Amino acid sequence: MFSCQLTIKESPWQPLRACSSFARTLITIFLCLTQFGFCCVYFVFVAQNLQLVVDHHFGPRDYHFYMAIVLPAVLVLCSVKELKSLAPVSVLANFLQLVALGLIFFYLAEDLPPTWDRKLAADLSQLPLFFGTAIYAFEGIGIVLPVENQMATPHDLRGWNGVLNTSMVIVSCLYIAVGFFGYLQYGENVLGSVTLNLPVDEWLAQIIIVLFATAIFLSYAIQFYVPLEILLPAAKARFPRHETLVDYGLRYAFVLVTFGFAAAIPRLDIFISLVGALSSSTLALLAPPLIDSILFWEERKSSGKMLLLKNAAIFTVGFAGFVTGTYYSLVNVVNYFRT
């Protein structure tokens, strides 16, 4: 946010400098939308997977009943103020996800049909929704920067073999493997989360579902931490005599907001695509090339034109995905409420 504001403030074009504060506000809004969108998705994921297992043992109940069960636990988890205190929680969440990912391949790789039984590619009309989903999965600038700022040796995050690149390569391989084998196994019947396709009457499937639900629940506070770090200082400065009340009041209010959206739209696929196309694409594909071009304009307009063309190409793809992905996601939201 600050880098965006400073870059535009020092830009070579005088009219653009007046927009520096607006640019900072815009980036802040999209960053908060992204993180709160993640939290909404996590709410839906945990509630739906919890519902799948509990309904099997005790009979069907309304989805909102499980939302109400998850809410108090989320409120307690989000009462933790320090990111360092959340580190052990994040480590446990990652461990549970790795175990669950290893186990889920017992189902994804079992009795696979031949690849020619599945569609080689989706219709072009589904491309905008894929764009939003893919950007949602990979965009994580809101978490990366706070983690880097609190690392004892921040330089270890960067570099070709740094923490960021190493982790993204591993995550990409896992995404591709689960996506490929999940679609190959379940075809057009695959749901918003592949855990919802597992045979819930089997104990191994129940263990996998519970492990994933627990891991995502524990990850909620990490995503929630970022917008709070942005919004809390301003709120505390406005009410200096009631800092503690403002702190917890804002935390719980935002948890209830994400709870409300998740309760209103209990569809993982719609939520993921909308968050990815609307806000994640802005942070990942629109803002970075724009900031880079403005910052290095003087030196690149003469000797770095290829880099400017690269930035223009990234921005164009991002803008097209932003417009089409957001439009089709909103259409799906409207259709959901109609039906």
C-alpha atoms as a PDB file:
ATOM      1  CA  MET A   1       0.000   0.000   0.000  1.00  0.00           C
ATOM      2  CA  PHE A   2       2.678   2.467   1.034  1.00  0.00           C
ATOM      3  CA  SER A   3       4.927   1.442  -1.864  1.00  0.00           C
ATOM      4  CA  CYS A   4       2.060   2.013  -4.284  1.00  0.00           C
ATOM      5  CA  GLN A   5       1.379   5.451  -2.842  1.00  0.00           C
ATOM      6  CA  LEU A   6       5.055   6.471  -2.866  1.00  0.00           C
ATOM      7  CA  THR A   7       5.579   5.178  -6.397  1.00  0.00           C
ATOM      8  CA  ILE A   8       2.684   7.175  -7.814  1.00  0.00           C
ATOM      9  CA  LYS A   9       3.622  10.208  -5.717  1.00  0.00           C
ATOM     10  CA  GLU A  10       7.104  10.207  -7.291  1.00  0.00           C
ATOM     11  CA  SER A  11       5.891   9.389 -10.816  1.00  0.00           C
ATOM     12  CA  PRO A  12       7.162  11.465 -13.765  1.00  0.00           C
ATOM     13  CA  TRP A  13       3.630  12.624 -14.608  1.00  0.00           C
ATOM     14  CA  GLN A  14       2.297  15.480 -12.526  1.00  0.00           C
ATOM     15  CA  PRO A  15      -1.463  14.657 -12.934  1.00  0.00           C
ATOM     16  CA  LEU A  16      -0.819  11.124 -11.714  1.00  0.00           C
ATOM     17  CA  ARG A  17       0.809  12.288  -8.480  1.00  0.00           C
ATOM     18  CA  ALA A  18      -2.478  13.664  -7.228  1.00  0.00           C
ATOM     19  CA  CYS A  19      -3.889  10.124  -7.293  1.00  0.00           C
ATOM     20  CA  SER A  20      -1.356   8.665  -4.842  1.00  0.00           C
ATOM     21  CA  SER A  21      -3.691   8.690  -1.830  1.00  0.00           C
ATOM     22  CA  PHE A  22      -6.540   7.268  -3.891  1.00  0.00           C
ATOM     23  CA  ALA A  23      -4.280   4.473  -5.152  1.00  0.00           C
ATOM     24  CA  ARG A  24      -3.290   3.559  -1.600  1.00  0.00           C
ATOM     25  CA  THR A  25      -6.936   3.476  -0.524  1.00  0.00           C
ATOM     26  CA  LEU A  26      -7.875   1.341  -3.530  1.00  0.00           C
ATOM     27  CA  ILE A  27      -5.132  -1.206  -2.842  1.00  0.00           C
ATOM     28  CA  THR A  28      -6.152  -1.304   0.824  1.00  0.00           C
ATOM     29  CA  ILE A  29      -9.766  -2.004  -0.115  1.00  0.00           C
ATOM     30  CA  PHE A  30      -8.862  -4.829  -2.493  1.00  0.00           C
ATOM     31  CA  LEU A  31      -6.420  -6.322   0.012  1.00  0.00           C
ATOM     32  CA  CYS A  32      -9.075  -6.359   2.724  1.00  0.00           C
ATOM     33  CA  LEU A  33     -11.659  -7.750   0.293  1.00  0.00           C
ATOM     34  CA  THR A  34      -9.270 -10.536  -0.668  1.00  0.00           C
ATOM     35  CA  GLN A  35      -8.468 -11.571   2.884  1.00  0.00           C
ATOM     36  CA  PHE A  36     -12.050 -11.359   4.112  1.00  0.00           C
ATOM     37  CA  GLY A  37     -13.080 -13.293   0.995  1.00  0.00           C
ATOM     38  CA  PHE A  38     -10.640 -16.023   1.969  1.00  0.00           C
ATOM     39  CA  CYS A  39     -12.198 -16.081   5.431  1.00  0.00           C
ATOM     40  CA  CYS A  40     -15.690 -16.471   3.923  1.00  0.00           C
ATOM     41  CA  VAL A  41     -14.472 -19.410   1.839  1.00  0.00           C
ATOM     42  CA  TYR A  42     -12.905 -21.000   4.928  1.00  0.00           C
ATOM     43  CA  PHE A  43     -16.181 -20.657   6.827  1.00  0.00           C
ATOM     44  CA  VAL A  44     -18.083 -22.392   4.020  1.00  0.00           C
ATOM     45  CA  PHE A  45     -15.468 -25.134   3.673  1.00  0.00           C
ATOM     46  CA  VAL A  46     -15.363 -26.005   7.365  1.00  0.00           C
ATOM     47  CA  ALA A  47     -19.152 -25.941   7.780  1.00  0.00           C
ATOM     48  CA  GLN A  48     -19.845 -28.046   4.663  1.00  0.00           C
ATOM     49  CA  ASN A  49     -17.266 -30.709   5.503  1.00  0.00           C
ATOM     50  CA  LEU A  50     -18.398 -30.838   9.129  1.00  0.00           C
ATOM     51  CA  GLN A  51     -21.959 -31.235   7.892  1.00  0.00           C
ATOM     52  CA  LEU A  52     -20.948 -34.111   5.629  1.00  0.00           C
ATOM     53  CA  VAL A  53     -19.540 -36.201   8.477  1.00  0.00           C
ATOM     54  CA  VAL A  54     -22.000 -35.322  11.258  1.00  0.00           C
ATOM     55  CA  ASP A  55     -25.044 -35.771   9.032  1.00  0.00           C
ATOM     56  CA  HIS A  56     -23.854 -39.254   8.170  1.00  0.00           C
ATOM     57  CA  HIS A  57     -23.817 -40.286  11.843  1.00  0.00           C
ATOM     58  CA  PHE A  58     -26.681 -38.279  13.331  1.00  0.00           C
ATOM     59  CA  GLY A  59     -29.006 -37.471  10.456  1.00  0.00           C
ATOM     60  CA  PRO A  60     -29.356 -34.367   8.276  1.00  0.00           C
ATOM     61  CA  ARG A  61     -29.385 -30.874   9.731  1.00  0.00           C
ATOM     62  CA  ASP A  62     -29.498 -27.460   8.156  1.00  0.00           C
ATOM     63  CA  TYR A  63     -26.201 -26.019   6.868  1.00  0.00           C
ATOM     64  CA  HIS A  64     -26.609 -22.940   9.060  1.00  0.00           C
ATOM     65  CA  PHE A  65     -26.653 -25.149  12.158  1.00  0.00           C
ATOM     66  CA  TYR A  66     -23.043 -26.089  11.425  1.00  0.00           C
ATOM     67  CA  MET A  67     -22.168 -22.470  10.703  1.00  0.00           C
ATOM     68  CA  ALA A  68     -23.411 -21.636  14.196  1.00  0.00           C
ATOM     69  CA  ILE A  69     -21.242 -24.412  15.679  1.00  0.00           C
ATOM     70  CA  VAL A  70     -18.116 -23.144  13.937  1.00  0.00           C
ATOM     71  CA  LEU A  71     -18.674 -19.462  14.817  1.00  0.00           C
ATOM     72  CA  PRO A  72     -17.727 -19.538  18.561  1.00  0.00           C
ATOM     73  CA  ALA A  73     -14.530 -21.465  17.828  1.00  0.00           C
ATOM     74  CA  VAL A  74     -13.552 -18.928  15.145  1.00  0.00           C
ATOM     75  CA  LEU A  75     -14.212 -16.041  17.550  1.00  0.00           C
ATOM     76  CA  VAL A  76     -11.882 -17.612  20.123  1.00  0.00           C
ATOM     77  CA  LEU A  77      -9.187 -18.279  17.528  1.00  0.00           C
ATOM     78  CA  CYS A  78      -9.336 -14.699  16.221  1.00  0.00           C
ATOM     79  CA  SER A  79      -8.838 -13.322  19.730  1.00  0.00           C
ATOM     80  CA  VAL A  80      -5.118 -14.126  19.363  1.00  0.00           C
ATOM     81  CA  LYS A  81      -3.371 -10.824  18.634  1.00  0.00           C
ATOM     82  CA  GLU A  82       0.233 -11.689  17.765  1.00  0.00           C
ATOM     83  CA  LEU A  83       1.248 -13.312  14.494  1.00  0.00           C
ATOM     84  CA  LYS A  84       4.060 -15.126  16.301  1.00  0.00           C
ATOM     85  CA  SER A  85       1.496 -16.769  18.571  1.00  0.00           C
ATOM     86  CA  LEU A  86      -0.296 -18.059  15.475  1.00  0.00           C
ATOM     87  CA  ALA A  87       2.863 -19.649  14.060  1.00  0.00           C
ATOM     88  CA  PRO A  88       2.423 -22.986  15.929  1.00  0.00           C
ATOM     89  CA  VAL A  89      -1.223 -23.035  14.807  1.00  0.00           C
ATOM     90  CA  SER A  90      -0.133 -22.518  11.203  1.00  0.00           C
ATOM     91  CA  VAL A  91       2.478 -25.282  11.470  1.00  0.00           C
ATOM     92  CA  LEU A  92      -0.155 -27.674  12.819  1.00  0.00           C
ATOM     93  CA  ALA A  93      -2.546 -26.700  10.020  1.00  0.00           C
ATOM     94  CA  ASN A  94       0.126 -27.362   7.375  1.00  0.00           C
ATOM     95  CA  PHE A  95       0.948 -30.730   8.941  1.00  0.00           C
ATOM     96  CA  LEU A  96      -2.712 -31.778   8.974  1.00  0.00           C
ATOM     97  CA  GLN A  97      -3.115 -30.734   5.339  1.00  0.00           C
ATOM     98  CA  LEU A  98      -0.060 -32.725   4.274  1.00  0.00           C
ATOM     99  CA  VAL A  99      -1.347 -35.843   6.031  1.00  0.00           C
ATOM    100  CA  ALA A 100      -4.810 -35.386   4.522  1.00  0.00           C
ATOM    101  CA  LEU A 101      -3.358 -34.801   1.046  1.00  0.00           C
ATOM    102  CA  GLY A 102      -1.369 -38.024   1.304  1.00  0.00           C
ATOM    103  CA  LEU A 103      -4.442 -39.960   2.380  1.00  0.00           C
ATOM    104  CA  ILE A 104      -6.797 -38.490  -0.210  1.00  0.00           C
ATOM    105  CA  PHE A 105      -4.800 -40.012  -3.054  1.00  0.00           C
ATOM    106  CA  PHE A 106      -6.005 -43.440  -1.890  1.00  0.00           C
ATOM    107  CA  TYR A 107      -9.344 -42.341  -3.351  1.00  0.00           C
ATOM    108  CA  LEU A 108      -8.206 -40.137  -6.214  1.00  0.00           C
ATOM    109  CA  ALA A 109      -5.883 -42.784  -7.674  1.00  0.00           C
ATOM    110  CA  GLU A 110      -8.190 -45.782  -7.155  1.00  0.00           C
ATOM    111  CA  ASP A 111      -9.635 -47.458 -10.269  1.00  0.00           C
ATOM    112  CA  LEU A 112      -9.075 -44.433 -12.474  1.00  0.00           C
ATOM    113  CA  PRO A 113     -10.990 -44.311 -15.746  1.00  0.00           C
ATOM    114  CA  PRO A 114      -9.031 -43.717 -18.974  1.00  0.00           C
ATOM    115  CA  THR A 115      -8.280 -40.085 -19.713  1.00  0.00           C
ATOM    116  CA  TRP A 116     -10.246 -40.202 -22.981  1.00  0.00           C
ATOM    117  CA  ASP A 117     -13.424 -40.696 -20.958  1.00  0.00           C
ATOM    118  CA  ARG A 118     -13.104 -37.129 -19.711  1.00  0.00           C
ATOM    119  CA  LYS A 119     -13.397 -33.864 -21.619  1.00  0.00           C
ATOM    120  CA  LEU A 120      -9.974 -32.670 -22.702  1.00  0.00           C
ATOM    121  CA  ALA A 121     -10.891 -29.022 -22.096  1.00  0.00           C
ATOM    122  CA  ALA A 122     -13.807 -27.095 -20.685  1.00  0.00           C
ATOM    123  CA  ASP A 123     -15.997 -24.755 -22.705  1.00  0.00           C
ATOM    124  CA  LEU A 124     -14.677 -21.259 -23.280  1.00  0.00           C
ATOM    125  CA  SER A 125     -17.578 -19.920 -21.230  1.00  0.00           C
ATOM    126  CA  GLN A 126     -15.979 -21.522 -18.159  1.00  0.00           C
ATOM    127  CA  LEU A 127     -12.616 -19.848 -18.721  1.00  0.00           C
ATOM    128  CA  PRO A 128     -13.424 -16.692 -16.673  1.00  0.00           C
ATOM    129  CA  LEU A 129     -14.484 -18.842 -13.710  1.00  0.00           C
ATOM    130  CA  PHE A 130     -11.293 -20.890 -14.032  1.00  0.00           C
ATOM    131  CA  PHE A 131      -9.292 -17.663 -14.072  1.00  0.00           C
ATOM    132  CA  GLY A 132     -10.830 -16.510 -10.810  1.00  0.00           C
ATOM    133  CA  THR A 133     -10.303 -19.891  -9.184  1.00  0.00           C
ATOM    134  CA  ALA A 134      -6.664 -20.127 -10.283  1.00  0.00           C
ATOM    135  CA  ILE A 135      -5.820 -16.609  -9.124  1.00  0.00           C
ATOM    136  CA  TYR A 136      -7.549 -17.296  -5.812  1.00  0.00           C
ATOM    137  CA  ALA A 137      -5.394 -20.387  -5.327  1.00  0.00           C
ATOM    138  CA  PHE A 138      -2.045 -18.730  -6.032  1.00  0.00           C
ATOM    139  CA  GLU A 139      -2.435 -15.116  -4.902  1.00  0.00           C
ATOM    140  CA  GLY A 140      -0.999 -14.661  -1.406  1.00  0.00           C
ATOM    141  CA  ILE A 141       0.698 -11.282  -1.270  1.00  0.00           C
ATOM    142  CA  GLY A 142      -1.355 -10.342   1.784  1.00  0.00           C
ATOM    143  CA  ILE A 143       0.272 -13.141   3.774  1.00  0.00           C
ATOM    144  CA  VAL A 144       3.752 -13.135   2.204  1.00  0.00           C
ATOM    145  CA  LEU A 145       4.647  -9.549   3.132  1.00  0.00           C
ATOM    146  CA  PRO A 146       3.649  -9.754   6.842  1.00  0.00           C
ATOM    147  CA  VAL A 147       5.545 -13.047   7.152  1.00  0.00           C
ATOM    148  CA  GLU A 148       8.625 -11.490   5.522  1.00  0.00           C
ATOM    149  CA  ASN A 149       8.456  -8.480   7.846  1.00  0.00           C
ATOM    150  CA  GLN A 150       8.433 -10.711  10.928  1.00  0.00           C
ATOM    151  CA  MET A 151      11.151 -13.135   9.789  1.00  0.00           C
ATOM    152  CA  ALA A 152      14.467 -13.057  11.638  1.00  0.00           C
ATOM    153  CA  THR A 153      16.260 -13.225   8.264  1.00  0.00           C
ATOM    154  CA  PRO A 154      13.874 -11.717   5.660  1.00  0.00           C
ATOM    155  CA  HIS A 155      16.342 -12.268   2.792  1.00  0.00           C
ATOM    156  CA  ASP A 156      15.781 -16.031   3.128  1.00  0.00           C
ATOM    157  CA  LEU A 157      12.305 -15.524   1.667  1.00  0.00           C
ATOM    158  CA  ARG A 158      13.623 -14.462  -1.728  1.00  0.00           C
ATOM    159  CA  GLY A 159      15.986 -15.920  -4.293  1.00  0.00           C
ATOM    160  CA  TRP A 160      15.505 -18.797  -6.718  1.00  0.00           C
ATOM    161  CA  ASN A 161      15.786 -21.313  -3.861  1.00  0.00           C
ATOM    162  CA  GLY A 162      14.297 -19.126  -1.151  1.00  0.00           C
ATOM    163  CA  VAL A 163      11.327 -19.951   1.037  1.00  0.00           C
ATOM    164  CA  LEU A 164       8.813 -18.343  -1.348  1.00  0.00           C
ATOM    165  CA  ASN A 165       9.876 -20.071  -4.575  1.00  0.00           C
ATOM    166  CA  THR A 166      10.443 -23.413  -2.879  1.00  0.00           C
ATOM    167  CA  SER A 167       7.039 -23.392  -1.219  1.00  0.00           C
ATOM    168  CA  MET A 168       5.251 -22.231  -4.392  1.00  0.00           C
ATOM    169  CA  VAL A 169       6.794 -25.027  -6.476  1.00  0.00           C
ATOM    170  CA  ILE A 170       5.635 -27.608  -3.935  1.00  0.00           C
ATOM    171  CA  VAL A 171       2.168 -26.057  -3.679  1.00  0.00           C
ATOM    172  CA  SER A 172       1.840 -25.861  -7.478  1.00  0.00           C
ATOM    173  CA  CYS A 173       2.667 -29.539  -7.846  1.00  0.00           C
ATOM    174  CA  LEU A 174       0.078 -30.439  -5.202  1.00  0.00           C
ATOM    175  CA  TYR A 175      -2.583 -28.253  -6.851  1.00  0.00           C
ATOM    176  CA  ILE A 176      -1.943 -29.822 -10.247  1.00  0.00           C
ATOM    177  CA  ALA A 177      -1.957 -33.366  -8.857  1.00  0.00           C
ATOM    178  CA  VAL A 178      -5.186 -32.952  -6.869  1.00  0.00           C
ATOM    179  CA  GLY A 179      -6.884 -31.093  -9.724  1.00  0.00           C
ATOM    180  CA  PHE A 180      -5.872 -33.624 -12.379  1.00  0.00           C
ATOM    181  CA  PHE A 181      -6.641 -36.805 -10.451  1.00  0.00           C
ATOM    182  CA  GLY A 182      -9.732 -35.280  -8.843  1.00  0.00           C
ATOM    183  CA  TYR A 183     -11.268 -34.489 -12.228  1.00  0.00           C
ATOM    184  CA  LEU A 184     -10.107 -37.783 -13.713  1.00  0.00           C
ATOM    185  CA  GLN A 185     -11.753 -39.681 -10.848  1.00  0.00           C
ATOM    186  CA  TYR A 186     -15.055 -37.780 -10.557  1.00  0.00           C
ATOM    187  CA  GLY A 187     -15.379 -36.050 -13.930  1.00  0.00           C
ATOM    188  CA  GLU A 188     -18.209 -33.522 -14.308  1.00  0.00           C
ATOM    189  CA  ASN A 189     -19.556 -34.547 -10.894  1.00  0.00           C
ATOM    190  CA  VAL A 190     -16.590 -33.084  -9.022  1.00  0.00           C
ATOM    191  CA  LEU A 191     -17.772 -30.538  -6.444  1.00  0.00           C
ATOM    192  CA  GLY A 192     -16.351 -27.242  -5.207  1.00  0.00           C
ATOM    193  CA  SER A 193     -14.068 -29.193  -2.868  1.00  0.00           C
ATOM    194  CA  VAL A 194     -12.992 -32.716  -3.752  1.00  0.00           C
ATOM    195  CA  THR A 195     -13.509 -33.737  -0.111  1.00  0.00           C
ATOM    196  CA  LEU A 196     -17.255 -33.411  -0.716  1.00  0.00           C
ATOM    197  CA  ASN A 197     -16.995 -36.219  -3.304  1.00  0.00           C
ATOM    198  CA  LEU A 198     -15.445 -38.721  -0.894  1.00  0.00           C
ATOM    199  CA  PRO A 199     -17.563 -41.712   0.251  1.00  0.00           C
ATOM    200  CA  VAL A 200     -18.479 -40.444   3.704  1.00  0.00           C
ATOM    201  CA  ASP A 201     -19.630 -43.892   4.850  1.00  0.00           C
ATOM    202  CA  GLU A 202     -15.976 -45.021   4.958  1.00  0.00           C
ATOM    203  CA  TRP A 203     -13.901 -44.226   8.040  1.00  0.00           C
ATOM    204  CA  LEU A 204     -10.798 -43.207   6.050  1.00  0.00           C
ATOM    205  CA  ALA A 205     -12.818 -40.658   4.091  1.00  0.00           C
ATOM    206  CA  GLN A 206     -14.192 -39.270   7.358  1.00  0.00           C
ATOM    207  CA  ILE A 207     -10.673 -38.891   8.739  1.00  0.00           C
ATOM    208  CA  ILE A 208      -9.572 -37.028   5.604  1.00  0.00           C
ATOM    209  CA  ILE A 209     -12.575 -34.692   5.749  1.00  0.00           C
ATOM    210  CA  VAL A 210     -12.043 -33.920   9.439  1.00  0.00           C
ATOM    211  CA  LEU A 211      -8.308 -33.324   8.919  1.00  0.00           C
ATOM    212  CA  PHE A 212      -8.947 -30.868   6.080  1.00  0.00           C
ATOM    213  CA  ALA A 213     -11.725 -29.090   7.976  1.00  0.00           C
ATOM    214  CA  THR A 214      -9.508 -28.713  11.046  1.00  0.00           C
ATOM    215  CA  ALA A 215      -6.558 -27.455   8.994  1.00  0.00           C
ATOM    216  CA  ILE A 216      -8.653 -24.845   7.196  1.00  0.00           C
ATOM    217  CA  PHE A 217     -10.249 -23.775  10.475  1.00  0.00           C
ATOM    218  CA  LEU A 218      -6.804 -23.226  12.016  1.00  0.00           C
ATOM    219  CA  SER A 219      -5.733 -21.237   8.942  1.00  0.00           C
ATOM    220  CA  TYR A 220      -8.608 -18.768   9.292  1.00  0.00           C
ATOM    221  CA  ALA A 221      -6.784 -16.608  11.840  1.00  0.00           C
ATOM    222  CA  ILE A 222      -3.731 -16.218   9.570  1.00  0.00           C
ATOM    223  CA  GLN A 223      -5.867 -14.803   6.757  1.00  0.00           C
ATOM    224  CA  PHE A 224      -7.810 -12.691   9.236  1.00  0.00           C
ATOM    225  CA  TYR A 225      -4.627 -11.158  10.679  1.00  0.00           C
ATOM    226  CA  VAL A 226      -3.750  -9.131   7.571  1.00  0.00           C
ATOM    227  CA  PRO A 227      -6.782  -6.802   7.271  1.00  0.00           C
ATOM    228  CA  LEU A 228      -6.802  -6.311  11.031  1.00  0.00           C
ATOM    229  CA  GLU A 229      -3.215  -5.061  10.930  1.00  0.00           C
ATOM    230  CA  ILE A 230      -4.374  -2.477   8.384  1.00  0.00           C
ATOM    231  CA  LEU A 231      -7.630  -1.379  10.000  1.00  0.00           C
ATOM    232  CA  LEU A 232      -6.941  -1.635  13.740  1.00  0.00           C
ATOM    233  CA  PRO A 233      -4.351   1.178  14.063  1.00  0.00           C
ATOM    234  CA  ALA A 234      -6.719   3.730  12.522  1.00  0.00           C
ATOM    235  CA  ALA A 235      -9.604   2.575  14.702  1.00  0.00           C
ATOM    236  CA  LYS A 236      -7.495   2.705  17.878  1.00  0.00           C
ATOM    237  CA  ALA A 237      -6.194   6.153  17.004  1.00  0.00           C
ATOM    238  CA  ARG A 238      -9.765   7.399  16.736  1.00  0.00           C
ATOM    239  CA  PHE A 239     -10.737   5.978  20.134  1.00  0.00           C
ATOM    240  CA  PRO A 240      -7.498   6.074  22.177  1.00  0.00           C
ATOM    241  CA  ARG A 241      -9.256   5.618  25.518  1.00  0.00           C
ATOM    242  CA  HIS A 242     -10.924   2.378  24.503  1.00  0.00           C
ATOM    243  CA  GLU A 243      -8.195   0.520  22.640  1.00  0.00           C
ATOM    244  CA  THR A 244      -8.982  -2.911  24.093  1.00  0.00           C
ATOM    245  CA  LEU A 245     -12.691  -2.543  23.416  1.00  0.00           C
ATOM    246  CA  VAL A 246     -12.018  -1.343  19.870  1.00  0.00           C
ATOM    247  CA  ASP A 247      -9.561  -4.190  19.281  1.00  0.00           C
ATOM    248  CA  TYR A 248     -11.885  -7.027  20.243  1.00  0.00           C
ATOM    249  CA  GLY A 249     -14.994  -5.263  18.950  1.00  0.00           C
ATOM    250  CA  LEU A 250     -13.494  -4.892  15.468  1.00  0.00           C
ATOM    251  CA  ARG A 251     -12.223  -8.475  15.459  1.00  0.00           C
ATOM    252  CA  TYR A 252     -15.572  -9.943  16.367  1.00  0.00           C
ATOM    253  CA  ALA A 253     -17.477  -7.598  14.035  1.00  0.00           C
ATOM    254  CA  PHE A 254     -15.401  -8.679  11.028  1.00  0.00           C
ATOM    255  CA  VAL A 255     -15.766 -12.354  11.978  1.00  0.00           C
ATOM    256  CA  LEU A 256     -19.538 -11.858  12.023  1.00  0.00           C
ATOM    257  CA  VAL A 257     -19.381 -10.151   8.610  1.00  0.00           C
ATOM    258  CA  THR A 258     -17.557 -13.101   7.044  1.00  0.00           C
ATOM    259  CA  PHE A 259     -19.960 -15.429   8.847  1.00  0.00           C
ATOM    260  CA  GLY A 260     -22.914 -13.558   7.326  1.00  0.00           C
ATOM    261  CA  PHE A 261     -21.620 -13.770   3.759  1.00  0.00           C
ATOM    262  CA  ALA A 262     -20.720 -17.435   4.154  1.00  0.00           C
ATOM    263  CA  ALA A 263     -24.187 -18.178   5.528  1.00  0.00           C
ATOM    264  CA  ALA A 264     -25.852 -16.304   2.660  1.00  0.00           C
ATOM    265  CA  ILE A 265     -23.869 -17.969  -0.167  1.00  0.00           C
ATOM    266  CA  PRO A 266     -22.877 -21.518   0.860  1.00  0.00           C
ATOM    267  CA  ARG A 267     -21.250 -22.312  -2.500  1.00  0.00           C
ATOM    268  CA  LEU A 268     -17.480 -22.804  -2.505  1.00  0.00           C
ATOM    269  CA  ASP A 269     -17.086 -22.616  -6.289  1.00  0.00           C
ATOM    270  CA  ILE A 270     -18.958 -19.297  -6.547  1.00  0.00           C
ATOM    271  CA  PHE A 271     -17.125 -17.710  -3.622  1.00  0.00           C
ATOM    272  CA  ILE A 272     -13.674 -18.821  -4.748  1.00  0.00           C
ATOM    273  CA  SER A 273     -14.147 -17.573  -8.303  1.00  0.00           C
ATOM    274  CA  LEU A 274     -15.618 -14.233  -7.213  1.00  0.00           C
ATOM    275  CA  VAL A 275     -12.866 -13.472  -4.689  1.00  0.00           C
ATOM    276  CA  GLY A 276     -10.174 -14.518  -7.140  1.00  0.00           C
ATOM    277  CA  ALA A 277     -11.470 -12.534 -10.109  1.00  0.00           C
ATOM    278  CA  LEU A 278     -12.534  -9.392  -8.245  1.00  0.00           C
ATOM    279  CA  SER A 279      -9.787  -8.739  -5.728  1.00  0.00           C
ATOM    280  CA  SER A 280      -6.979 -11.296  -6.059  1.00  0.00           C
ATOM    281  CA  SER A 281      -6.441 -10.482  -9.748  1.00  0.00           C
ATOM    282  CA  THR A 282      -6.117  -6.789  -8.882  1.00  0.00           C
ATOM    283  CA  LEU A 283      -3.381  -7.455  -6.338  1.00  0.00           C
ATOM    284  CA  ALA A 284      -1.567 -10.116  -8.363  1.00  0.00           C
ATOM    285  CA  LEU A 285      -1.878  -9.036 -12.006  1.00  0.00           C
ATOM    286  CA  LEU A 286      -3.002  -5.400 -12.207  1.00  0.00           C
ATOM    287  CA  ALA A 287      -1.195  -3.452  -9.490  1.00  0.00           C
ATOM    288  CA  PRO A 288       2.330  -5.030  -9.687  1.00  0.00           C
ATOM    289  CA  PRO A 289       3.040  -4.393 -13.420  1.00  0.00           C
ATOM    290  CA  LEU A 290       1.521  -0.925 -13.145  1.00  0.00           C
ATOM    291  CA  ILE A 291       3.665   0.004 -10.148  1.00  0.00           C
ATOM    292  CA  ASP A 292       6.781  -1.501 -11.730  1.00  0.00           C
ATOM    293  CA  SER A 293       6.267   0.433 -14.977  1.00  0.00           C
ATOM    294  CA  ILE A 294       5.741   3.751 -13.173  1.00  0.00           C
ATOM    295  CA  LEU A 295       8.693   3.214 -10.834  1.00  0.00           C
ATOM    296  CA  PHE A 296      11.214   2.381 -13.574  1.00  0.00           C
ATOM    297  CA  TRP A 297       9.675   4.350 -16.431  1.00  0.00           C
ATOM    298  CA  GLU A 298      12.628   6.648 -17.079  1.00  0.00           C
ATOM    299  CA  GLU A 299      15.223   3.893 -17.413  1.00  0.00           C
ATOM    300  CA  ARG A 300      13.003   1.441 -19.280  1.00  0.00           C
ATOM    301  CA  LYS A 301      11.498   3.722 -21.888  1.00  0.00           C
ATOM    302  CA  SER A 302      14.879   3.758 -23.600  1.00  0.00           C
ATOM    303  CA  SER A 303      16.626   0.483 -22.734  1.00  0.00           C
ATOM    304  CA  GLY A 304      13.949  -1.715 -21.142  1.00  0.00           C
ATOM    305  CA  LYS A 305      11.079  -1.670 -23.610  1.00  0.00           C
ATOM    306  CA  MET A 306      10.695  -5.445 -23.502  1.00  0.00           C
ATOM    307  CA  LEU A 307      10.015  -5.266 -19.759  1.00  0.00           C
ATOM    308  CA  LEU A 308       7.385  -2.603 -20.376  1.00  0.00           C
ATOM    309  CA  LEU A 309       5.773  -4.837 -22.999  1.00  0.00           C
ATOM    310  CA  LYS A 310       5.833  -7.727 -20.521  1.00  0.00           C
ATOM    311  CA  ASN A 311       4.124  -5.549 -17.917  1.00  0.00           C
ATOM    312  CA  ALA A 312       1.553  -4.431 -20.485  1.00  0.00           C
ATOM    313  CA  ALA A 313       0.811  -8.052 -21.408  1.00  0.00           C
ATOM    314  CA  ILE A 314       0.374  -9.085 -17.765  1.00  0.00           C
ATOM    315  CA  PHE A 315      -1.885  -6.108 -17.109  1.00  0.00           C
ATOM    316  CA  THR A 316      -3.999  -6.850 -20.197  1.00  0.00           C
ATOM    317  CA  VAL A 317      -4.502 -10.496 -19.244  1.00  0.00           C
ATOM    318  CA  GLY A 318      -5.259  -9.504 -15.658  1.00  0.00           C
ATOM    319  CA  PHE A 319      -7.769  -6.854 -16.687  1.00  0.00           C
ATOM    320  CA  ALA A 320      -9.563  -9.202 -19.076  1.00  0.00           C
ATOM    321  CA  GLY A 321      -9.765 -11.844 -16.350  1.00  0.00           C
ATOM    322  CA  PHE A 322     -10.869  -9.253 -13.807  1.00  0.00           C
ATOM    323  CA  VAL A 323     -13.788  -8.057 -15.955  1.00  0.00           C
ATOM    324  CA  THR A 324     -15.001 -11.394 -17.335  1.00  0.00           C
ATOM    325  CA  GLY A 325     -14.354 -13.411 -14.160  1.00  0.00           C
ATOM    326  CA  THR A 326     -16.145 -10.902 -11.934  1.00  0.00           C
ATOM    327  CA  TYR A 327     -19.075 -10.651 -14.347  1.00  0.00           C
ATOM    328  CA  TYR A 328     -19.664 -14.400 -14.632  1.00  0.00           C
ATOM    329  CA  SER A 329     -19.165 -14.910 -10.887  1.00  0.00           C
ATOM    330  CA  LEU A 330     -21.767 -12.248 -10.117  1.00  0.00           C
ATOM    331  CA  VAL A 331     -24.107 -13.865 -12.645  1.00  0.00           C
ATOM    332  CA  ASN A 332     -23.710 -17.148 -10.761  1.00  0.00           C
ATOM    333  CA  VAL A 333     -24.454 -15.394  -7.466  1.00  0.00           C
ATOM    334  CA  VAL A 334     -27.639 -13.886  -8.915  1.00  0.00           C
ATOM    335  CA  ASN A 335     -28.688 -17.228 -10.368  1.00  0.00           C
ATOM    336  CA  TYR A 336     -28.054 -18.909  -7.015  1.00  0.00           C
ATOM    337  CA  PHE A 337     -30.424 -16.540  -5.232  1.00  0.00           C
ATOM    338  CA  ARG A 338     -33.019 -16.933  -7.988  1.00  0.00           C
ATOM    339  CA  THR A 339     -33.045 -20.724  -7.696  1.00  0.00           C
END
